[in-house]
Amino acid sequence: MIIGISEREILSTPNDQLLGETVRTKYFEAKSREKDRCEVCGRVSPYGRDVHIDMRIGYVEGAGQGCFQPSVCGHP
C-alpha cells in the first residue's frame, strides 16, 4: 500500500510527533477502504475491512473471508 503525504502537509506540521500521527491516520483510513480477498482463490470481495462479519456473505469466523461466489471458487 502506498500512502501519499504532500510537501505542504509536511511543512505545515509543527513537529515530528504530529507528522507521525498524520501519517498513521492516513494509513488506517486507507486500510479501512481496502477490500478483503477470498482466502481460497484470492478474488477481491465486495466487502471492505470495515464491514461487520455478520453483514458479509462467505465469511468464516476464525478463517477469514471466504468466497462470495462459491460456484466460481468451489469454497462452500
PDB file of N, CA and C in Angstrom:
ATOM      1  N   MET A   1       0.840  -1.158   0.000  1.00  0.00           N
ATOM      2  CA  MET A   1       0.000   0.000   0.000  1.00  0.00           C
ATOM      3  C   MET A   1       0.895   1.234   0.000  1.00  0.00           C
ATOM      4  N   ILE A   2       0.525   2.215  -0.786  1.00  0.00           N
ATOM      5  CA  ILE A   2       1.267   3.468  -0.847  1.00  0.00           C
ATOM      6  C   ILE A   2       0.406   4.554  -0.216  1.00  0.00           C
ATOM      7  N   ILE A   3       1.006   5.291   0.694  1.00  0.00           N
ATOM      8  CA  ILE A   3       0.313   6.393   1.352  1.00  0.00           C
ATOM      9  C   ILE A   3       0.995   7.683   0.922  1.00  0.00           C
ATOM     10  N   GLY A   4       0.217   8.619   0.441  1.00  0.00           N
ATOM     11  CA  GLY A   4       0.789   9.880  -0.012  1.00  0.00           C
ATOM     12  C   GLY A   4       0.656  10.976   1.027  1.00  0.00           C
ATOM     13  N   ILE A   5       1.711  11.720   1.203  1.00  0.00           N
ATOM     14  CA  ILE A   5       1.676  12.899   2.060  1.00  0.00           C
ATOM     15  C   ILE A   5       2.384  14.015   1.299  1.00  0.00           C
ATOM     16  N   SER A   6       1.743  15.149   1.256  1.00  0.00           N
ATOM     17  CA  SER A   6       2.276  16.242   0.430  1.00  0.00           C
ATOM     18  C   SER A   6       3.345  17.040   1.178  1.00  0.00           C
ATOM     19  N   GLU A   7       4.111  17.769   0.404  1.00  0.00           N
ATOM     20  CA  GLU A   7       5.137  18.639   0.991  1.00  0.00           C
ATOM     21  C   GLU A   7       4.477  19.686   1.883  1.00  0.00           C
ATOM     22  N   ARG A   8       3.327  20.154   1.456  1.00  0.00           N
ATOM     23  CA  ARG A   8       2.588  21.142   2.250  1.00  0.00           C
ATOM     24  C   ARG A   8       2.207  20.571   3.619  1.00  0.00           C
ATOM     25  N   GLU A   9       1.727  19.320   3.628  1.00  0.00           N
ATOM     26  CA  GLU A   9       1.377  18.684   4.905  1.00  0.00           C
ATOM     27  C   GLU A   9       2.603  18.548   5.803  1.00  0.00           C
ATOM     28  N   ILE A  10       3.721  18.175   5.208  1.00  0.00           N
ATOM     29  CA  ILE A  10       4.953  18.010   5.989  1.00  0.00           C
ATOM     30  C   ILE A  10       5.392  19.340   6.583  1.00  0.00           C
ATOM     31  N   LEU A  11       5.426  20.372   5.761  1.00  0.00           N
ATOM     32  CA  LEU A  11       5.921  21.663   6.220  1.00  0.00           C
ATOM     33  C   LEU A  11       4.963  22.378   7.167  1.00  0.00           C
ATOM     34  N   SER A  12       3.676  22.070   7.071  1.00  0.00           N
ATOM     35  CA  SER A  12       2.703  22.739   7.937  1.00  0.00           C
ATOM     36  C   SER A  12       2.497  22.009   9.270  1.00  0.00           C
ATOM     37  N   THR A  13       3.126  20.845   9.420  1.00  0.00           N
ATOM     38  CA  THR A  13       3.023  20.109  10.676  1.00  0.00           C
ATOM     39  C   THR A  13       4.126  20.596  11.618  1.00  0.00           C
ATOM     40  N   PRO A  14       3.728  21.063  12.824  1.00  0.00           N
ATOM     41  CA  PRO A  14       4.701  21.717  13.687  1.00  0.00           C
ATOM     42  C   PRO A  14       5.807  20.835  14.259  1.00  0.00           C
ATOM     43  N   ASN A  15       5.573  19.533  14.397  1.00  0.00           N
ATOM     44  CA  ASN A  15       6.639  18.685  14.941  1.00  0.00           C
ATOM     45  C   ASN A  15       6.513  17.260  14.418  1.00  0.00           C
ATOM     46  N   ASP A  16       7.547  16.474  14.662  1.00  0.00           N
ATOM     47  CA  ASP A  16       7.593  15.109  14.124  1.00  0.00           C
ATOM     48  C   ASP A  16       6.529  14.195  14.731  1.00  0.00           C
ATOM     49  N   GLN A  17       6.155  14.425  15.974  1.00  0.00           N
ATOM     50  CA  GLN A  17       5.127  13.590  16.597  1.00  0.00           C
ATOM     51  C   GLN A  17       3.794  13.773  15.875  1.00  0.00           C
ATOM     52  N   LEU A  18       3.415  15.009  15.617  1.00  0.00           N
ATOM     53  CA  LEU A  18       2.164  15.258  14.897  1.00  0.00           C
ATOM     54  C   LEU A  18       2.233  14.765  13.459  1.00  0.00           C
ATOM     55  N   LEU A  19       3.404  14.852  12.850  1.00  0.00           N
ATOM     56  CA  LEU A  19       3.573  14.331  11.496  1.00  0.00           C
ATOM     57  C   LEU A  19       3.375  12.820  11.487  1.00  0.00           C
ATOM     58  N   GLY A  20       3.935  12.146  12.489  1.00  0.00           N
ATOM     59  CA  GLY A  20       3.738  10.694  12.609  1.00  0.00           C
ATOM     60  C   GLY A  20       2.274  10.343  12.802  1.00  0.00           C
ATOM     61  N   GLU A  21       1.563  11.118  13.605  1.00  0.00           N
ATOM     62  CA  GLU A  21       0.131  10.885  13.815  1.00  0.00           C
ATOM     63  C   GLU A  21      -0.651  11.081  12.518  1.00  0.00           C
ATOM     64  N   THR A  22      -0.250  12.080  11.730  1.00  0.00           N
ATOM     65  CA  THR A  22      -0.901  12.336  10.447  1.00  0.00           C
ATOM     66  C   THR A  22      -0.713  11.149   9.497  1.00  0.00           C
ATOM     67  N   VAL A  23       0.512  10.653   9.421  1.00  0.00           N
ATOM     68  CA  VAL A  23       0.805   9.523   8.544  1.00  0.00           C
ATOM     69  C   VAL A  23       0.055   8.279   9.025  1.00  0.00           C
ATOM     70  N   ARG A  24       0.053   8.030  10.319  1.00  0.00           N
ATOM     71  CA  ARG A  24      -0.646   6.860  10.871  1.00  0.00           C
ATOM     72  C   ARG A  24      -2.144   6.940  10.580  1.00  0.00           C
ATOM     73  N   THR A  25      -2.724   8.118  10.734  1.00  0.00           N
ATOM     74  CA  THR A  25      -4.147   8.304  10.450  1.00  0.00           C
ATOM     75  C   THR A  25      -4.446   8.012   8.986  1.00  0.00           C
ATOM     76  N   LYS A  26      -3.595   8.520   8.086  1.00  0.00           N
ATOM     77  CA  LYS A  26      -3.784   8.245   6.661  1.00  0.00           C
ATOM     78  C   LYS A  26      -3.683   6.752   6.366  1.00  0.00           C
ATOM     79  N   TYR A  27      -2.753   6.075   7.041  1.00  0.00           N
ATOM     80  CA  TYR A  27      -2.582   4.634   6.845  1.00  0.00           C
ATOM     81  C   TYR A  27      -3.856   3.888   7.231  1.00  0.00           C
ATOM     82  N   PHE A  28      -4.390   4.167   8.411  1.00  0.00           N
ATOM     83  CA  PHE A  28      -5.572   3.438   8.870  1.00  0.00           C
ATOM     84  C   PHE A  28      -6.808   3.776   8.051  1.00  0.00           C
ATOM     85  N   GLU A  29      -6.902   4.998   7.557  1.00  0.00           N
ATOM     86  CA  GLU A  29      -8.014   5.345   6.669  1.00  0.00           C
ATOM     87  C   GLU A  29      -7.923   4.550   5.368  1.00  0.00           C
ATOM     88  N   ALA A  30      -6.724   4.457   4.810  1.00  0.00           N
ATOM     89  CA  ALA A  30      -6.532   3.693   3.570  1.00  0.00           C
ATOM     90  C   ALA A  30      -6.780   2.210   3.810  1.00  0.00           C
ATOM     91  N   LYS A  31      -6.332   1.700   4.944  1.00  0.00           N
ATOM     92  CA  LYS A  31      -6.507   0.280   5.279  1.00  0.00           C
ATOM     93  C   LYS A  31      -7.988  -0.071   5.408  1.00  0.00           C
ATOM     94  N   SER A  32      -8.774   0.840   5.973  1.00  0.00           N
ATOM     95  CA  SER A  32     -10.198   0.560   6.154  1.00  0.00           C
ATOM     96  C   SER A  32     -10.954   0.568   4.825  1.00  0.00           C
ATOM     97  N   ARG A  33     -10.397   1.249   3.808  1.00  0.00           N
ATOM     98  CA  ARG A  33     -11.038   1.256   2.486  1.00  0.00           C
ATOM     99  C   ARG A  33     -10.655   0.041   1.651  1.00  0.00           C
ATOM    100  N   GLU A  34      -9.634  -0.695   2.085  1.00  0.00           N
ATOM    101  CA  GLU A  34      -9.215  -1.883   1.352  1.00  0.00           C
ATOM    102  C   GLU A  34     -10.310  -2.942   1.369  1.00  0.00           C
ATOM    103  N   LYS A  35     -10.346  -3.745   0.341  1.00  0.00           N
ATOM    104  CA  LYS A  35     -11.320  -4.837   0.261  1.00  0.00           C
ATOM    105  C   LYS A  35     -10.654  -6.137   0.705  1.00  0.00           C
ATOM    106  N   ASP A  36     -11.430  -6.989   1.387  1.00  0.00           N
ATOM    107  CA  ASP A  36     -10.934  -8.315   1.746  1.00  0.00           C
ATOM    108  C   ASP A  36     -10.881  -9.191   0.509  1.00  0.00           C
ATOM    109  N   ARG A  37     -10.088 -10.243   0.583  1.00  0.00           N
ATOM    110  CA  ARG A  37      -9.987 -11.218  -0.504  1.00  0.00           C
ATOM    111  C   ARG A  37     -10.416 -12.579   0.008  1.00  0.00           C
ATOM    112  N   CYS A  38     -10.869 -13.423  -0.907  1.00  0.00           N
ATOM    113  CA  CYS A  38     -11.188 -14.805  -0.560  1.00  0.00           C
ATOM    114  C   CYS A  38      -9.889 -15.494  -0.149  1.00  0.00           C
ATOM    115  N   GLU A  39      -9.917 -16.195   0.964  1.00  0.00           N
ATOM    116  CA  GLU A  39      -8.728 -16.888   1.462  1.00  0.00           C
ATOM    117  C   GLU A  39      -8.347 -18.085   0.588  1.00  0.00           C
ATOM    118  N   VAL A  40      -9.284 -18.569  -0.235  1.00  0.00           N
ATOM    119  CA  VAL A  40      -9.022 -19.747  -1.072  1.00  0.00           C
ATOM    120  C   VAL A  40      -8.534 -19.350  -2.463  1.00  0.00           C
ATOM    121  N   CYS A  41      -9.328 -18.520  -3.150  1.00  0.00           N
ATOM    122  CA  CYS A  41      -8.984 -18.212  -4.548  1.00  0.00           C
ATOM    123  C   CYS A  41      -8.334 -16.845  -4.731  1.00  0.00           C
ATOM    124  N   GLY A  42      -8.410 -15.978  -3.726  1.00  0.00           N
ATOM    125  CA  GLY A  42      -7.755 -14.685  -3.805  1.00  0.00           C
ATOM    126  C   GLY A  42      -8.542 -13.587  -4.492  1.00  0.00           C
ATOM    127  N   ARG A  43      -9.768 -13.888  -4.945  1.00  0.00           N
ATOM    128  CA  ARG A  43     -10.574 -12.848  -5.593  1.00  0.00           C
ATOM    129  C   ARG A  43     -10.916 -11.748  -4.581  1.00  0.00           C
ATOM    130  N   VAL A  44     -10.954 -10.514  -5.071  1.00  0.00           N
ATOM    131  CA  VAL A  44     -11.323  -9.387  -4.224  1.00  0.00           C
ATOM    132  C   VAL A  44     -12.814  -9.452  -3.950  1.00  0.00           C
ATOM    133  N   SER A  45     -13.176  -9.358  -2.686  1.00  0.00           N
ATOM    134  CA  SER A  45     -14.593  -9.401  -2.311  1.00  0.00           C
ATOM    135  C   SER A  45     -15.180  -7.997  -2.392  1.00  0.00           C
ATOM    136  N   PRO A  46     -16.481  -7.893  -2.373  1.00  0.00           N
ATOM    137  CA  PRO A  46     -17.101  -6.571  -2.380  1.00  0.00           C
ATOM    138  C   PRO A  46     -17.103  -5.912  -1.004  1.00  0.00           C
ATOM    139  N   TYR A  47     -16.516  -6.578  -0.012  1.00  0.00           N
ATOM    140  CA  TYR A  47     -16.588  -6.104   1.366  1.00  0.00           C
ATOM    141  C   TYR A  47     -15.300  -5.430   1.812  1.00  0.00           C
ATOM    142  N   GLY A  48     -15.438  -4.206   2.293  1.00  0.00           N
ATOM    143  CA  GLY A  48     -14.309  -3.513   2.892  1.00  0.00           C
ATOM    144  C   GLY A  48     -14.019  -4.106   4.259  1.00  0.00           C
ATOM    145  N   ARG A  49     -12.833  -3.850   4.758  1.00  0.00           N
ATOM    146  CA  ARG A  49     -12.442  -4.383   6.064  1.00  0.00           C
ATOM    147  C   ARG A  49     -13.280  -3.803   7.196  1.00  0.00           C
ATOM    148  N   ASP A  50     -13.962  -2.703   6.939  1.00  0.00           N
ATOM    149  CA  ASP A  50     -14.780  -2.083   7.975  1.00  0.00           C
ATOM    150  C   ASP A  50     -16.207  -2.628   8.019  1.00  0.00           C
ATOM    151  N   VAL A  51     -16.567  -3.544   7.108  1.00  0.00           N
ATOM    152  CA  VAL A  51     -17.902  -4.147   7.097  1.00  0.00           C
ATOM    153  C   VAL A  51     -17.927  -5.281   8.127  1.00  0.00           C
ATOM    154  N   HIS A  52     -18.903  -5.228   9.026  1.00  0.00           N
ATOM    155  CA  HIS A  52     -19.010  -6.244  10.081  1.00  0.00           C
ATOM    156  C   HIS A  52     -19.223  -7.629   9.459  1.00  0.00           C
ATOM    157  N   ILE A  53     -18.655  -8.651  10.096  1.00  0.00           N
ATOM    158  CA  ILE A  53     -18.703 -10.010   9.532  1.00  0.00           C
ATOM    159  C   ILE A  53     -20.122 -10.559   9.432  1.00  0.00           C
ATOM    160  N   ASP A  54     -21.032 -10.074  10.274  1.00  0.00           N
ATOM    161  CA  ASP A  54     -22.422 -10.538  10.193  1.00  0.00           C
ATOM    162  C   ASP A  54     -23.131 -10.016   8.943  1.00  0.00           C
ATOM    163  N   MET A  55     -22.558  -9.024   8.297  1.00  0.00           N
ATOM    164  CA  MET A  55     -23.165  -8.430   7.107  1.00  0.00           C
ATOM    165  C   MET A  55     -22.556  -8.964   5.816  1.00  0.00           C
ATOM    166  N   ARG A  56     -21.677  -9.948   5.911  1.00  0.00           N
ATOM    167  CA  ARG A  56     -20.966 -10.464   4.737  1.00  0.00           C
ATOM    168  C   ARG A  56     -21.489 -11.833   4.327  1.00  0.00           C
ATOM    169  N   ILE A  57     -21.289 -12.144   3.065  1.00  0.00           N
ATOM    170  CA  ILE A  57     -21.561 -13.488   2.552  1.00  0.00           C
ATOM    171  C   ILE A  57     -20.220 -14.189   2.452  1.00  0.00           C
ATOM    172  N   GLY A  58     -20.136 -15.416   2.961  1.00  0.00           N
ATOM    173  CA  GLY A  58     -18.935 -16.226   2.800  1.00  0.00           C
ATOM    174  C   GLY A  58     -17.882 -16.058   3.873  1.00  0.00           C
ATOM    175  N   TYR A  59     -18.118 -15.219   4.877  1.00  0.00           N
ATOM    176  CA  TYR A  59     -17.111 -15.045   5.921  1.00  0.00           C
ATOM    177  C   TYR A  59     -17.159 -16.226   6.876  1.00  0.00           C
ATOM    178  N   VAL A  60     -15.995 -16.790   7.175  1.00  0.00           N
ATOM    179  CA  VAL A  60     -15.903 -17.923   8.100  1.00  0.00           C
ATOM    180  C   VAL A  60     -15.119 -17.450   9.316  1.00  0.00           C
ATOM    181  N   GLU A  61     -15.789 -17.423  10.464  1.00  0.00           N
ATOM    182  CA  GLU A  61     -15.137 -16.961  11.677  1.00  0.00           C
ATOM    183  C   GLU A  61     -13.936 -17.829  12.006  1.00  0.00           C
ATOM    184  N   GLY A  62     -12.815 -17.206  12.261  1.00  0.00           N
ATOM    185  CA  GLY A  62     -11.580 -17.916  12.561  1.00  0.00           C
ATOM    186  C   GLY A  62     -10.750 -18.235  11.328  1.00  0.00           C
ATOM    187  N   ALA A  63     -11.360 -18.152  10.145  1.00  0.00           N
ATOM    188  CA  ALA A  63     -10.641 -18.455   8.911  1.00  0.00           C
ATOM    189  C   ALA A  63     -10.512 -17.228   8.014  1.00  0.00           C
ATOM    190  N   GLY A  64     -11.479 -16.339   8.074  1.00  0.00           N
ATOM    191  CA  GLY A  64     -11.428 -15.141   7.249  1.00  0.00           C
ATOM    192  C   GLY A  64     -12.489 -15.136   6.176  1.00  0.00           C
ATOM    193  N   GLN A  65     -12.327 -14.224   5.236  1.00  0.00           N
ATOM    194  CA  GLN A  65     -13.307 -14.060   4.164  1.00  0.00           C
ATOM    195  C   GLN A  65     -13.217 -15.223   3.196  1.00  0.00           C
ATOM    196  N   GLY A  66     -14.314 -15.947   3.084  1.00  0.00           N
ATOM    197  CA  GLY A  66     -14.434 -16.981   2.076  1.00  0.00           C
ATOM    198  C   GLY A  66     -14.956 -16.357   0.807  1.00  0.00           C
ATOM    199  N   CYS A  67     -15.088 -17.159  -0.203  1.00  0.00           N
ATOM    200  CA  CYS A  67     -15.529 -16.625  -1.486  1.00  0.00           C
ATOM    201  C   CYS A  67     -16.989 -16.214  -1.431  1.00  0.00           C
ATOM    202  N   PHE A  68     -17.262 -15.090  -2.015  1.00  0.00           N
ATOM    203  CA  PHE A  68     -18.636 -14.610  -2.116  1.00  0.00           C
ATOM    204  C   PHE A  68     -19.291 -15.155  -3.374  1.00  0.00           C
ATOM    205  N   GLN A  69     -18.513 -15.925  -4.163  1.00  0.00           N
ATOM    206  CA  GLN A  69     -19.018 -16.588  -5.366  1.00  0.00           C
ATOM    207  C   GLN A  69     -18.664 -18.080  -5.266  1.00  0.00           C
ATOM    208  N   PRO A  70     -19.367 -18.848  -4.412  1.00  0.00           N
ATOM    209  CA  PRO A  70     -18.991 -20.243  -4.170  1.00  0.00           C
ATOM    210  C   PRO A  70     -18.959 -21.101  -5.439  1.00  0.00           C
ATOM    211  N   SER A  71     -19.809 -20.807  -6.402  1.00  0.00           N
ATOM    212  CA  SER A  71     -19.816 -21.633  -7.611  1.00  0.00           C
ATOM    213  C   SER A  71     -18.551 -21.413  -8.453  1.00  0.00           C
ATOM    214  N   VAL A  72     -17.914 -20.282  -8.298  1.00  0.00           N
ATOM    215  CA  VAL A  72     -16.704 -19.969  -9.046  1.00  0.00           C
ATOM    216  C   VAL A  72     -15.481 -20.541  -8.342  1.00  0.00           C
ATOM    217  N   CYS A  73     -15.423 -20.361  -7.038  1.00  0.00           N
ATOM    218  CA  CYS A  73     -14.247 -20.725  -6.250  1.00  0.00           C
ATOM    219  C   CYS A  73     -14.264 -22.192  -5.817  1.00  0.00           C
ATOM    220  N   GLY A  74     -15.446 -22.692  -5.525  1.00  0.00           N
ATOM    221  CA  GLY A  74     -15.535 -24.048  -5.018  1.00  0.00           C
ATOM    222  C   GLY A  74     -15.482 -24.097  -3.506  1.00  0.00           C
ATOM    223  N   HIS A  75     -15.386 -22.944  -2.884  1.00  0.00           N
ATOM    224  CA  HIS A  75     -15.374 -22.886  -1.418  1.00  0.00           C
ATOM    225  C   HIS A  75     -16.806 -22.926  -0.937  1.00  0.00           C
ATOM    226  N   PRO A  76     -17.166 -23.830  -0.026  1.00  0.00           N
ATOM    227  CA  PRO A  76     -18.559 -23.935   0.430  1.00  0.00           C
ATOM    228  C   PRO A  76     -19.031 -22.726   1.192  1.00  0.00           C
TER     229      PRO A  76
END
